Protein backbone atom coordinates (compact mmCIF):
# COMPACT_ATOMS: atom_id res chain seq x y z
CA MET A 1 -15.21 22.82 -14.45
CA THR A 2 -14.93 21.59 -10.83
CA ALA A 3 -11.90 19.76 -9.54
CA ASN A 4 -12.15 16.00 -9.06
CA ALA A 5 -12.87 15.23 -5.40
CA ALA A 6 -11.47 11.69 -5.51
CA VAL A 7 -9.48 10.72 -2.42
CA VAL A 8 -6.19 8.84 -2.65
CA GLY A 9 -5.99 5.75 -0.43
CA PHE A 10 -2.36 6.36 0.52
CA GLY A 11 -2.14 7.08 4.24
CA THR A 12 -4.96 4.73 5.32
CA LEU A 13 -4.25 3.01 8.66
CA VAL A 14 -5.59 -0.13 10.36
CA LYS A 15 -5.26 -0.26 14.14
CA ILE A 16 -6.08 -2.80 16.79
CA GLN A 17 -7.05 -1.60 20.27
CA GLY A 18 -5.56 -3.59 23.09
CA GLY A 19 -5.76 -7.02 21.53
CA VAL A 20 -4.78 -10.26 23.24
CA GLY A 21 -1.80 -8.61 24.91
CA GLY A 22 -4.03 -5.83 26.29
CA GLY A 23 -1.67 -3.06 25.21
CA ALA A 24 -2.37 0.34 23.69
CA HIS A 25 -3.58 0.96 20.13
CA ALA A 26 -1.21 -0.66 17.66
CA THR A 27 -0.99 0.32 14.00
CA ILE A 28 -0.65 -2.67 11.67
CA THR A 29 2.69 -2.15 9.96
CA ASP A 30 3.34 -2.44 6.23
CA LEU A 31 -0.31 -2.23 5.17
CA LEU A 32 -0.77 -2.66 1.42
CA SER A 33 -4.55 -2.63 1.03
CA VAL A 34 -7.78 -2.84 3.01
CA THR A 35 -11.39 -3.61 2.09
CA GLY A 36 -14.46 -3.45 4.33
CA PRO A 37 -16.25 -3.52 6.61
CA GLY A 38 -19.45 -3.88 4.69
CA ALA A 39 -23.02 -3.07 5.54
CA GLU A 40 -25.67 -5.59 4.72
CA ARG A 41 -29.19 -6.20 5.94
CA GLY A 42 -31.07 -9.45 5.67
CA THR A 43 -34.74 -9.71 4.80
CA ILE A 44 -37.52 -11.81 6.25
CA ASP A 45 -40.19 -13.08 3.89
CA VAL A 46 -43.59 -12.30 5.44
CA THR A 47 -45.64 -13.16 2.34
CA HIS A 48 -49.01 -14.73 3.13
CA MET A 49 -51.87 -16.26 1.20
CA THR A 50 -53.59 -12.90 0.71
CA SER A 51 -50.57 -10.65 0.14
CA PRO A 52 -51.76 -7.71 -2.00
CA GLY A 53 -51.65 -8.43 -5.73
CA GLY A 54 -49.82 -11.72 -5.18
CA TRP A 55 -46.57 -9.86 -4.48
CA ARG A 56 -44.03 -11.08 -1.94
CA GLU A 57 -43.69 -8.93 1.17
CA PHE A 58 -40.58 -8.47 3.28
CA LYS A 59 -39.49 -6.99 6.60
CA GLY A 60 -35.99 -5.82 7.38
CA GLY A 61 -33.88 -8.49 9.08
CA LEU A 62 -30.64 -8.38 10.98
CA ARG A 63 -27.70 -6.24 9.90
CA ASP A 64 -24.24 -7.66 9.28
CA GLY A 65 -20.92 -5.80 9.15
CA GLY A 66 -19.46 -8.46 6.88
CA GLU A 67 -15.73 -8.98 6.68
CA VAL A 68 -12.63 -6.85 6.53
CA THR A 69 -9.67 -8.02 4.49
CA PHE A 70 -6.27 -6.46 4.37
CA GLN A 71 -2.93 -7.32 2.89
CA ILE A 72 0.47 -6.61 4.42
CA ASN A 73 4.12 -7.04 3.65
CA TYR A 74 4.54 -9.88 6.15
CA LEU A 75 7.37 -9.12 8.56
CA THR A 76 8.02 -12.16 10.72
CA SER A 77 9.73 -9.97 13.33
CA SER A 78 6.86 -7.44 13.60
CA ALA A 79 5.04 -7.30 16.94
CA THR A 80 1.76 -6.28 15.27
CA HIS A 81 1.99 -9.14 12.80
CA ALA A 82 2.58 -11.56 15.68
CA GLU A 83 -0.46 -10.00 17.39
CA ILE A 84 -2.59 -10.89 14.35
CA LEU A 85 -1.62 -14.55 14.79
CA SER A 86 -2.41 -14.33 18.54
CA GLU A 87 -5.81 -12.88 17.65
CA LEU A 88 -6.45 -15.85 15.36
CA ALA A 89 -6.02 -18.17 18.36
CA ALA A 90 -8.17 -16.03 20.70
CA ASP A 91 -11.79 -16.80 21.54
CA THR A 92 -12.84 -13.17 21.90
CA GLY A 93 -12.94 -10.38 19.35
CA SER A 94 -10.92 -7.19 19.59
CA THR A 95 -11.71 -3.61 18.67
CA TRP A 96 -10.31 -2.53 15.30
CA GLU A 97 -10.16 0.89 13.68
CA ILE A 98 -9.70 2.00 10.08
CA TYR A 99 -8.50 5.54 9.54
CA TRP A 100 -9.22 6.34 5.91
CA SER A 101 -6.57 8.57 4.40
CA ASN A 102 -8.82 11.64 4.23
CA ILE A 103 -10.44 11.21 7.66
CA THR A 104 -7.56 10.64 10.04
CA THR A 105 -9.28 11.83 13.23
CA THR A 106 -12.51 9.78 13.14
CA PRO A 107 -12.06 6.10 12.35
CA VAL A 108 -14.50 3.40 11.37
CA THR A 109 -14.61 1.27 14.53
CA PHE A 110 -15.79 -2.33 14.98
CA THR A 111 -15.22 -5.51 16.95
CA ALA A 112 -13.95 -8.47 14.95
CA PHE A 113 -12.36 -11.89 15.12
CA VAL A 114 -9.35 -12.79 12.99
CA THR A 115 -10.66 -15.65 10.85
CA GLY A 116 -7.91 -15.93 8.25
CA PHE A 117 -4.17 -15.48 7.88
CA GLU A 118 -2.63 -16.51 4.57
CA PRO A 119 1.00 -15.73 3.78
CA GLY A 120 2.28 -15.82 0.22
CA ALA A 121 5.44 -15.26 -1.76
CA GLU A 122 6.38 -14.93 -5.41
CA ILE A 123 9.79 -15.49 -6.94
CA ASP A 124 10.23 -11.78 -7.66
CA GLY A 125 8.14 -10.22 -4.92
CA ALA A 126 7.82 -9.49 -1.24
CA LEU A 127 6.58 -11.95 1.36
CA THR A 128 2.97 -10.88 1.98
CA ALA A 129 0.01 -12.03 4.03
CA SER A 130 -3.72 -11.65 3.55
CA ILE A 131 -5.76 -11.26 6.74
CA THR A 132 -9.52 -11.70 7.12
CA LEU A 133 -11.59 -10.32 10.01
CA LYS A 134 -15.23 -11.21 10.73
CA VAL A 135 -17.12 -8.24 12.16
CA THR A 136 -19.33 -8.96 15.17
CA GLY A 137 -21.93 -6.43 16.28
CA ALA A 138 -22.42 -2.86 15.09
CA VAL A 139 -19.95 -0.85 13.02
CA THR A 140 -19.44 2.77 14.00
CA TRP A 141 -19.07 4.59 10.69
CA VAL A 142 -17.32 7.91 10.37
CA GLY A 143 -19.57 10.40 12.14
CA THR A 144 -22.51 8.02 12.68
CA GLN A 145 -23.47 4.96 14.71
CA GLY A 146 -24.23 1.92 12.57
CA SER A 147 -26.61 0.26 15.01
């Protein structure tokens, strides 16, 4: 029987390169979870009046990196959390990196805009925030170019 090759998510990092302040790579502190980016490709309907057998025909359309969402313990005094809010106000995207826990030397890299920042609190829980990024352009996946 072979051992299970599942990878634990603990140790995953999200970093922003430069950002509005133009500084060095900054690791987003107190990361709780992260999802994305995605990989999706649109389709273009090219069906015509004599399409073989009356079947619809399609061509590949544009690719979309989708969104990235992550949740943090929101620390109002954190410089990286303040940077997220600055990014929300910016008109240009920044370069982001996700270092999955098992691949710490080669991140998934993409440019994205901060499109959402939603703090929340429960009576018996930590102050948190949910952040949404919209990917623009190609995503560089671990070991490959997504363009």
